[in-house]
PDB file of N, CA and C in Angstrom:
ATOM      1  N   MET A   1      40.435   5.550  -7.322  1.00  0.00           N
ATOM      2  CA  MET A   1      41.559   6.460  -7.172  1.00  0.00           C
ATOM      3  C   MET A   1      41.428   7.309  -5.905  1.00  0.00           C
ATOM      4  N   VAL A   2      40.223   7.424  -5.376  1.00  0.00           N
ATOM      5  CA  VAL A   2      40.000   8.205  -4.161  1.00  0.00           C
ATOM      6  C   VAL A   2      40.203   7.287  -2.956  1.00  0.00           C
ATOM      7  N   PRO A   3      41.018   7.709  -1.967  1.00  0.00           N
ATOM      8  CA  PRO A   3      41.257   6.861  -0.799  1.00  0.00           C
ATOM      9  C   PRO A   3      39.971   6.609  -0.004  1.00  0.00           C
ATOM     10  N   ASN A   4      39.929   5.442   0.645  1.00  0.00           N
ATOM     11  CA  ASN A   4      38.746   5.060   1.414  1.00  0.00           C
ATOM     12  C   ASN A   4      38.455   6.043   2.540  1.00  0.00           C
ATOM     13  N   ALA A   5      39.481   6.608   3.148  1.00  0.00           N
ATOM     14  CA  ALA A   5      39.268   7.556   4.249  1.00  0.00           C
ATOM     15  C   ALA A   5      38.528   8.799   3.756  1.00  0.00           C
ATOM     16  N   ILE A   6      38.830   9.259   2.569  1.00  0.00           N
ATOM     17  CA  ILE A   6      38.147  10.434   2.026  1.00  0.00           C
ATOM     18  C   ILE A   6      36.700  10.080   1.670  1.00  0.00           C
ATOM     19  N   LYS A   7      36.473   8.891   1.103  1.00  0.00           N
ATOM     20  CA  LYS A   7      35.110   8.455   0.803  1.00  0.00           C
ATOM     21  C   LYS A   7      34.282   8.378   2.082  1.00  0.00           C
ATOM     22  N   ALA A   8      34.866   7.795   3.125  1.00  0.00           N
ATOM     23  CA  ALA A   8      34.150   7.670   4.403  1.00  0.00           C
ATOM     24  C   ALA A   8      33.852   9.044   4.990  1.00  0.00           C
ATOM     25  N   GLY A   9      34.780   9.967   4.884  1.00  0.00           N
ATOM     26  CA  GLY A   9      34.566  11.321   5.396  1.00  0.00           C
ATOM     27  C   GLY A   9      33.438  12.032   4.663  1.00  0.00           C
ATOM     28  N   ILE A  10      33.363  11.835   3.378  1.00  0.00           N
ATOM     29  CA  ILE A  10      32.295  12.457   2.593  1.00  0.00           C
ATOM     30  C   ILE A  10      30.941  11.881   2.985  1.00  0.00           C
ATOM     31  N   ILE A  11      30.870  10.560   3.136  1.00  0.00           N
ATOM     32  CA  ILE A  11      29.602   9.922   3.521  1.00  0.00           C
ATOM     33  C   ILE A  11      29.176  10.355   4.912  1.00  0.00           C
ATOM     34  N   LEU A  12      30.104  10.361   5.867  1.00  0.00           N
ATOM     35  CA  LEU A  12      29.774  10.807   7.228  1.00  0.00           C
ATOM     36  C   LEU A  12      29.366  12.274   7.249  1.00  0.00           C
ATOM     37  N   GLY A  13      30.069  13.092   6.500  1.00  0.00           N
ATOM     38  CA  GLY A  13      29.738  14.511   6.441  1.00  0.00           C
ATOM     39  C   GLY A  13      28.357  14.754   5.852  1.00  0.00           C
ATOM     40  N   ALA A  14      27.998  13.983   4.836  1.00  0.00           N
ATOM     41  CA  ALA A  14      26.660  14.119   4.235  1.00  0.00           C
ATOM     42  C   ALA A  14      25.586  13.712   5.235  1.00  0.00           C
ATOM     43  N   GLY A  15      25.827  12.641   5.986  1.00  0.00           N
ATOM     44  CA  GLY A  15      24.861  12.200   6.997  1.00  0.00           C
ATOM     45  C   GLY A  15      24.680  13.223   8.100  1.00  0.00           C
ATOM     46  N   ILE A  16      25.782  13.752   8.593  1.00  0.00           N
ATOM     47  CA  ILE A  16      25.718  14.770   9.651  1.00  0.00           C
ATOM     48  C   ILE A  16      25.044  16.028   9.124  1.00  0.00           C
ATOM     49  N   GLY A  17      25.356  16.405   7.908  1.00  0.00           N
ATOM     50  CA  GLY A  17      24.710  17.575   7.304  1.00  0.00           C
ATOM     51  C   GLY A  17      23.206  17.403   7.163  1.00  0.00           C
ATOM     52  N   ALA A  18      22.776  16.195   6.802  1.00  0.00           N
ATOM     53  CA  ALA A  18      21.339  15.932   6.681  1.00  0.00           C
ATOM     54  C   ALA A  18      20.653  16.003   8.046  1.00  0.00           C
ATOM     55  N   ILE A  19      21.300  15.469   9.076  1.00  0.00           N
ATOM     56  CA  ILE A  19      20.728  15.519  10.427  1.00  0.00           C
ATOM     57  C   ILE A  19      20.605  16.955  10.898  1.00  0.00           C
ATOM     58  N   VAL A  20      21.622  17.745  10.666  1.00  0.00           N
ATOM     59  CA  VAL A  20      21.581  19.154  11.081  1.00  0.00           C
ATOM     60  C   VAL A  20      20.505  19.909  10.301  1.00  0.00           C
ATOM     61  N   ALA A  21      20.356  19.596   9.016  1.00  0.00           N
ATOM     62  CA  ALA A  21      19.343  20.288   8.202  1.00  0.00           C
ATOM     63  C   ALA A  21      17.929  19.983   8.681  1.00  0.00           C
ATOM     64  N   VAL A  22      17.710  18.778   9.191  1.00  0.00           N
ATOM     65  CA  VAL A  22      16.367  18.408   9.621  1.00  0.00           C
ATOM     66  C   VAL A  22      16.121  18.791  11.073  1.00  0.00           C
ATOM     67  N   PHE A  23      17.071  18.474  11.956  1.00  0.00           N
ATOM     68  CA  PHE A  23      16.837  18.643  13.386  1.00  0.00           C
ATOM     69  C   PHE A  23      17.514  19.868  13.993  1.00  0.00           C
ATOM     70  N   GLY A  24      18.367  20.529  13.261  1.00  0.00           N
ATOM     71  CA  GLY A  24      19.069  21.696  13.789  1.00  0.00           C
ATOM     72  C   GLY A  24      18.164  22.910  13.895  1.00  0.00           C
ATOM     73  N   GLU A  25      18.745  23.990  14.409  1.00  0.00           N
ATOM     74  CA  GLU A  25      17.988  25.234  14.544  1.00  0.00           C
ATOM     75  C   GLU A  25      17.577  25.723  13.155  1.00  0.00           C
ATOM     76  N   GLY A  26      16.299  26.002  12.985  1.00  0.00           N
ATOM     77  CA  GLY A  26      15.787  26.412  11.679  1.00  0.00           C
ATOM     78  C   GLY A  26      15.593  25.249  10.728  1.00  0.00           C
ATOM     79  N   GLY A  27      15.636  24.014  11.244  1.00  0.00           N
ATOM     80  CA  GLY A  27      15.489  22.823  10.412  1.00  0.00           C
ATOM     81  C   GLY A  27      14.042  22.573  10.008  1.00  0.00           C
ATOM     82  N   GLN A  28      13.849  21.525   9.272  1.00  0.00           N
ATOM     83  CA  GLN A  28      12.545  21.212   8.705  1.00  0.00           C
ATOM     84  C   GLN A  28      11.648  20.384   9.621  1.00  0.00           C
ATOM     85  N   PHE A  29      12.175  19.895  10.748  1.00  0.00           N
ATOM     86  CA  PHE A  29      11.387  18.997  11.584  1.00  0.00           C
ATOM     87  C   PHE A  29      10.108  19.657  12.091  1.00  0.00           C
ATOM     88  N   ASN A  30      10.173  20.921  12.440  1.00  0.00           N
ATOM     89  CA  ASN A  30       8.997  21.608  12.960  1.00  0.00           C
ATOM     90  C   ASN A  30       7.895  21.760  11.911  1.00  0.00           C
ATOM     91  N   LEU A  31       8.257  21.722  10.632  1.00  0.00           N
ATOM     92  CA  LEU A  31       7.262  21.846   9.572  1.00  0.00           C
ATOM     93  C   LEU A  31       6.527  20.531   9.309  1.00  0.00           C
ATOM     94  N   PHE A  32       7.228  19.397   9.446  1.00  0.00           N
ATOM     95  CA  PHE A  32       6.661  18.089   9.106  1.00  0.00           C
ATOM     96  C   PHE A  32       6.993  17.046  10.169  1.00  0.00           C
ATOM     97  N   PRO A  33       6.622  17.243  11.423  1.00  0.00           N
ATOM     98  CA  PRO A  33       7.063  16.308  12.472  1.00  0.00           C
ATOM     99  C   PRO A  33       6.482  14.900  12.320  1.00  0.00           C
ATOM    100  N   ILE A  34       5.234  14.776  11.914  1.00  0.00           N
ATOM    101  CA  ILE A  34       4.615  13.444  11.797  1.00  0.00           C
ATOM    102  C   ILE A  34       5.247  12.674  10.644  1.00  0.00           C
ATOM    103  N   THR A  35       5.383  13.309   9.503  1.00  0.00           N
ATOM    104  CA  THR A  35       5.955  12.660   8.334  1.00  0.00           C
ATOM    105  C   THR A  35       7.383  12.215   8.603  1.00  0.00           C
ATOM    106  N   ILE A  36       8.194  13.077   9.179  1.00  0.00           N
ATOM    107  CA  ILE A  36       9.597  12.747   9.432  1.00  0.00           C
ATOM    108  C   ILE A  36       9.710  11.617  10.442  1.00  0.00           C
ATOM    109  N   THR A  37       8.914  11.643  11.497  1.00  0.00           N
ATOM    110  CA  THR A  37       8.979  10.595  12.513  1.00  0.00           C
ATOM    111  C   THR A  37       8.587   9.236  11.941  1.00  0.00           C
ATOM    112  N   ILE A  38       7.509   9.179  11.192  1.00  0.00           N
ATOM    113  CA  ILE A  38       7.064   7.912  10.596  1.00  0.00           C
ATOM    114  C   ILE A  38       8.105   7.384   9.618  1.00  0.00           C
ATOM    115  N   CYS A  39       8.653   8.241   8.791  1.00  0.00           N
ATOM    116  CA  CYS A  39       9.596   7.796   7.765  1.00  0.00           C
ATOM    117  C   CYS A  39      10.943   7.379   8.357  1.00  0.00           C
ATOM    118  N   ILE A  40      11.373   8.027   9.421  1.00  0.00           N
ATOM    119  CA  ILE A  40      12.606   7.599  10.082  1.00  0.00           C
ATOM    120  C   ILE A  40      12.397   6.208  10.690  1.00  0.00           C
ATOM    121  N   GLY A  41      11.261   5.997  11.338  1.00  0.00           N
ATOM    122  CA  GLY A  41      10.969   4.679  11.891  1.00  0.00           C
ATOM    123  C   GLY A  41      10.916   3.605  10.811  1.00  0.00           C
ATOM    124  N   PHE A  42      10.288   3.918   9.696  1.00  0.00           N
ATOM    125  CA  PHE A  42      10.183   2.975   8.575  1.00  0.00           C
ATOM    126  C   PHE A  42      11.564   2.663   8.001  1.00  0.00           C
ATOM    127  N   ALA A  43      12.393   3.684   7.821  1.00  0.00           N
ATOM    128  CA  ALA A  43      13.739   3.471   7.282  1.00  0.00           C
ATOM    129  C   ALA A  43      14.583   2.633   8.239  1.00  0.00           C
ATOM    130  N   PHE A  44      14.502   2.911   9.542  1.00  0.00           N
ATOM    131  CA  PHE A  44      15.242   2.110  10.510  1.00  0.00           C
ATOM    132  C   PHE A  44      14.754   0.670  10.513  1.00  0.00           C
ATOM    133  N   TYR A  45      13.447   0.472  10.387  1.00  0.00           N
ATOM    134  CA  TYR A  45      12.898  -0.881  10.352  1.00  0.00           C
ATOM    135  C   TYR A  45      13.439  -1.649   9.147  1.00  0.00           C
ATOM    136  N   LEU A  46      13.406  -1.032   7.973  1.00  0.00           N
ATOM    137  CA  LEU A  46      13.889  -1.718   6.775  1.00  0.00           C
ATOM    138  C   LEU A  46      15.391  -1.970   6.828  1.00  0.00           C
ATOM    139  N   THR A  47      16.133  -1.074   7.443  1.00  0.00           N
ATOM    140  CA  THR A  47      17.578  -1.169   7.425  1.00  0.00           C
ATOM    141  C   THR A  47      18.135  -2.070   8.523  1.00  0.00           C
ATOM    142  N   PHE A  48      17.599  -1.957   9.743  1.00  0.00           N
ATOM    143  CA  PHE A  48      18.238  -2.601  10.882  1.00  0.00           C
ATOM    144  C   PHE A  48      17.431  -3.712  11.552  1.00  0.00           C
ATOM    145  N   SER A  49      16.201  -3.943  11.149  1.00  0.00           N
ATOM    146  CA  SER A  49      15.336  -4.872  11.854  1.00  0.00           C
ATOM    147  C   SER A  49      15.659  -6.323  11.514  1.00  0.00           C
ATOM    148  N   LYS A  50      15.807  -7.129  12.552  1.00  0.00           N
ATOM    149  CA  LYS A  50      16.008  -8.567  12.357  1.00  0.00           C
ATOM    150  C   LYS A  50      14.718  -9.221  11.859  1.00  0.00           C
ATOM    151  N   SER A  51      13.581  -8.707  12.315  1.00  0.00           N
ATOM    152  CA  SER A  51      12.314  -9.296  11.879  1.00  0.00           C
ATOM    153  C   SER A  51      12.085  -9.073  10.379  1.00  0.00           C
ATOM    154  N   PHE A  52      12.437  -7.890   9.865  1.00  0.00           N
ATOM    155  CA  PHE A  52      12.282  -7.666   8.426  1.00  0.00           C
ATOM    156  C   PHE A  52      13.258  -8.538   7.650  1.00  0.00           C
ATOM    157  N   GLU A  53      14.439  -8.742   8.179  1.00  0.00           N
ATOM    158  CA  GLU A  53      15.412  -9.618   7.524  1.00  0.00           C
ATOM    159  C   GLU A  53      14.880 -11.048   7.444  1.00  0.00           C
ATOM    160  N   GLN A  54      14.209 -11.511   8.498  1.00  0.00           N
ATOM    161  CA  GLN A  54      13.614 -12.847   8.485  1.00  0.00           C
ATOM    162  C   GLN A  54      12.462 -12.921   7.488  1.00  0.00           C
ATOM    163  N   ILE A  55      11.659 -11.864   7.429  1.00  0.00           N
ATOM    164  CA  ILE A  55      10.561 -11.819   6.451  1.00  0.00           C
ATOM    165  C   ILE A  55      11.128 -11.886   5.039  1.00  0.00           C
ATOM    166  N   ARG A  56      12.201 -11.157   4.815  1.00  0.00           N
ATOM    167  CA  ARG A  56      12.840 -11.152   3.502  1.00  0.00           C
ATOM    168  C   ARG A  56      13.364 -12.527   3.119  1.00  0.00           C
ATOM    169  N   LYS A  57      13.973 -13.224   4.081  1.00  0.00           N
ATOM    170  CA  LYS A  57      14.514 -14.553   3.794  1.00  0.00           C
ATOM    171  C   LYS A  57      13.408 -15.576   3.592  1.00  0.00           C
ATOM    172  N   ARG A  58      12.323 -15.461   4.367  1.00  0.00           N
ATOM    173  CA  ARG A  58      11.211 -16.398   4.266  1.00  0.00           C
ATOM    174  C   ARG A  58      10.427 -16.201   2.970  1.00  0.00           C
ATOM    175  N   ASN A  59      10.183 -14.961   2.598  1.00  0.00           N
ATOM    176  CA  ASN A  59       9.416 -14.636   1.386  1.00  0.00           C
ATOM    177  C   ASN A  59      10.369 -14.103   0.336  1.00  0.00           C
ATOM    178  N   LYS A  60      10.797 -14.956  -0.524  1.00  0.00           N
ATOM    179  CA  LYS A  60      11.774 -14.540  -1.527  1.00  0.00           C
ATOM    180  C   LYS A  60      11.113 -13.829  -2.699  1.00  0.00           C
ATOM    181  N   GLY A  61       9.968 -13.246  -2.445  1.00  0.00           N
ATOM    182  CA  GLY A  61       9.245 -12.545  -3.498  1.00  0.00           C
ATOM    183  C   GLY A  61       9.922 -11.245  -3.890  1.00  0.00           C
ATOM    184  N   PHE A  62       9.461 -10.694  -4.946  1.00  0.00           N
ATOM    185  CA  PHE A  62      10.039  -9.483  -5.534  1.00  0.00           C
ATOM    186  C   PHE A  62       9.920  -8.266  -4.615  1.00  0.00           C
ATOM    187  N   LEU A  63       8.771  -8.094  -3.945  1.00  0.00           N
ATOM    188  CA  LEU A  63       8.520  -6.883  -3.168  1.00  0.00           C
ATOM    189  C   LEU A  63       9.465  -6.735  -1.985  1.00  0.00           C
ATOM    190  N   PHE A  64       9.603  -7.780  -1.181  1.00  0.00           N
ATOM    191  CA  PHE A  64      10.457  -7.679   0.005  1.00  0.00           C
ATOM    192  C   PHE A  64      11.929  -7.547  -0.373  1.00  0.00           C
ATOM    193  N   THR A  65      12.342  -8.231  -1.412  1.00  0.00           N
ATOM    194  CA  THR A  65      13.721  -8.106  -1.880  1.00  0.00           C
ATOM    195  C   THR A  65      13.985  -6.691  -2.375  1.00  0.00           C
ATOM    196  N   LEU A  66      13.053  -6.158  -3.126  1.00  0.00           N
ATOM    197  CA  LEU A  66      13.202  -4.799  -3.638  1.00  0.00           C
ATOM    198  C   LEU A  66      13.252  -3.780  -2.502  1.00  0.00           C
ATOM    199  N   LEU A  67      12.334  -3.896  -1.536  1.00  0.00           N
ATOM    200  CA  LEU A  67      12.333  -2.970  -0.400  1.00  0.00           C
ATOM    201  C   LEU A  67      13.640  -3.025   0.372  1.00  0.00           C
ATOM    202  N   GLY A  68      14.174  -4.220   0.552  1.00  0.00           N
ATOM    203  CA  GLY A  68      15.428  -4.367   1.281  1.00  0.00           C
ATOM    204  C   GLY A  68      16.628  -3.850   0.522  1.00  0.00           C
ATOM    205  N   ASN A  69      16.604  -3.960  -0.783  1.00  0.00           N
ATOM    206  CA  ASN A  69      17.758  -3.556  -1.589  1.00  0.00           C
ATOM    207  C   ASN A  69      17.795  -2.071  -1.923  1.00  0.00           C
ATOM    208  N   LEU A  70      16.677  -1.380  -1.813  1.00  0.00           N
ATOM    209  CA  LEU A  70      16.639   0.023  -2.215  1.00  0.00           C
ATOM    210  C   LEU A  70      17.164   0.983  -1.151  1.00  0.00           C
ATOM    211  N   GLY A  71      17.467   0.482   0.034  1.00  0.00           N
ATOM    212  CA  GLY A  71      18.014   1.350   1.076  1.00  0.00           C
ATOM    213  C   GLY A  71      16.973   2.324   1.596  1.00  0.00           C
ATOM    214  N   ILE A  72      17.280   3.606   1.521  1.00  0.00           N
ATOM    215  CA  ILE A  72      16.420   4.634   2.096  1.00  0.00           C
ATOM    216  C   ILE A  72      15.351   5.130   1.111  1.00  0.00           C
ATOM    217  N   LEU A  73      15.431   4.707  -0.132  1.00  0.00           N
ATOM    218  CA  LEU A  73      14.490   5.181  -1.143  1.00  0.00           C
ATOM    219  C   LEU A  73      13.022   4.886  -0.809  1.00  0.00           C
ATOM    220  N   PRO A  74      12.666   3.699  -0.282  1.00  0.00           N
ATOM    221  CA  PRO A  74      11.262   3.492   0.101  1.00  0.00           C
ATOM    222  C   PRO A  74      10.782   4.483   1.165  1.00  0.00           C
ATOM    223  N   ALA A  75      11.644   4.861   2.097  1.00  0.00           N
ATOM    224  CA  ALA A  75      11.271   5.849   3.115  1.00  0.00           C
ATOM    225  C   ALA A  75      11.053   7.221   2.487  1.00  0.00           C
ATOM    226  N   ILE A  76      11.819   7.546   1.478  1.00  0.00           N
ATOM    227  CA  ILE A  76      11.638   8.828   0.791  1.00  0.00           C
ATOM    228  C   ILE A  76      10.302   8.832   0.043  1.00  0.00           C
ATOM    229  N   PHE A  77       9.994   7.721  -0.631  1.00  0.00           N
ATOM    230  CA  PHE A  77       8.696   7.618  -1.312  1.00  0.00           C
ATOM    231  C   PHE A  77       7.558   7.718  -0.312  1.00  0.00           C
ATOM    232  N   LEU A  78       7.694   7.059   0.840  1.00  0.00           N
ATOM    233  CA  LEU A  78       6.673   7.133   1.869  1.00  0.00           C
ATOM    234  C   LEU A  78       6.509   8.569   2.363  1.00  0.00           C
ATOM    235  N   ALA A  79       7.614   9.282   2.511  1.00  0.00           N
ATOM    236  CA  ALA A  79       7.549  10.683   2.945  1.00  0.00           C
ATOM    237  C   ALA A  79       6.775  11.542   1.951  1.00  0.00           C
ATOM    238  N   VAL A  80       7.001  11.306   0.681  1.00  0.00           N
ATOM    239  CA  VAL A  80       6.282  12.065  -0.351  1.00  0.00           C
ATOM    240  C   VAL A  80       4.781  11.767  -0.274  1.00  0.00           C
ATOM    241  N   ILE A  81       4.437  10.493  -0.140  1.00  0.00           N
ATOM    242  CA  ILE A  81       3.030  10.106  -0.063  1.00  0.00           C
ATOM    243  C   ILE A  81       2.380  10.689   1.192  1.00  0.00           C
ATOM    244  N   LEU A  82       3.058  10.579   2.335  1.00  0.00           N
ATOM    245  CA  LEU A  82       2.502  11.117   3.572  1.00  0.00           C
ATOM    246  C   LEU A  82       2.360  12.637   3.533  1.00  0.00           C
ATOM    247  N   HIS A  83       3.325  13.302   2.934  1.00  0.00           N
ATOM    248  CA  HIS A  83       3.273  14.753   2.843  1.00  0.00           C
ATOM    249  C   HIS A  83       2.071  15.218   2.005  1.00  0.00           C
ATOM    250  N   ILE A  84       1.814  14.480   0.938  1.00  0.00           N
ATOM    251  CA  ILE A  84       0.677  14.832   0.079  1.00  0.00           C
ATOM    252  C   ILE A  84      -0.634  14.601   0.841  1.00  0.00           C
ATOM    253  N   GLN A  85      -0.710  13.507   1.603  1.00  0.00           N
ATOM    254  CA  GLN A  85      -1.932  13.155   2.326  1.00  0.00           C
ATOM    255  C   GLN A  85      -2.164  14.032   3.560  1.00  0.00           C
ATOM    256  N   LEU A  86      -1.104  14.425   4.241  1.00  0.00           N
ATOM    257  CA  LEU A  86      -1.258  15.213   5.464  1.00  0.00           C
ATOM    258  C   LEU A  86      -1.276  16.648   5.082  1.00  0.00           C
TER     259      LEU A  86
END
């Protein structure tokens, strides 16, 4: 019942809000620069990498399929683990 333009606006607004919260003035990046940098790289690799897509197609195992299907959740789990360790 909600138009696609409104859905897209909400998703874009949430993304921009998250970027401002992390990288904007008074954001969290200065508190956890190593964790945020590693997790952003990991999330981009899982989401946009052609090499990970090939690994996923070659190894039809549960782990790679799960990592690819969960979106950003593996990066969030990695952030929690790294934060505890660092």
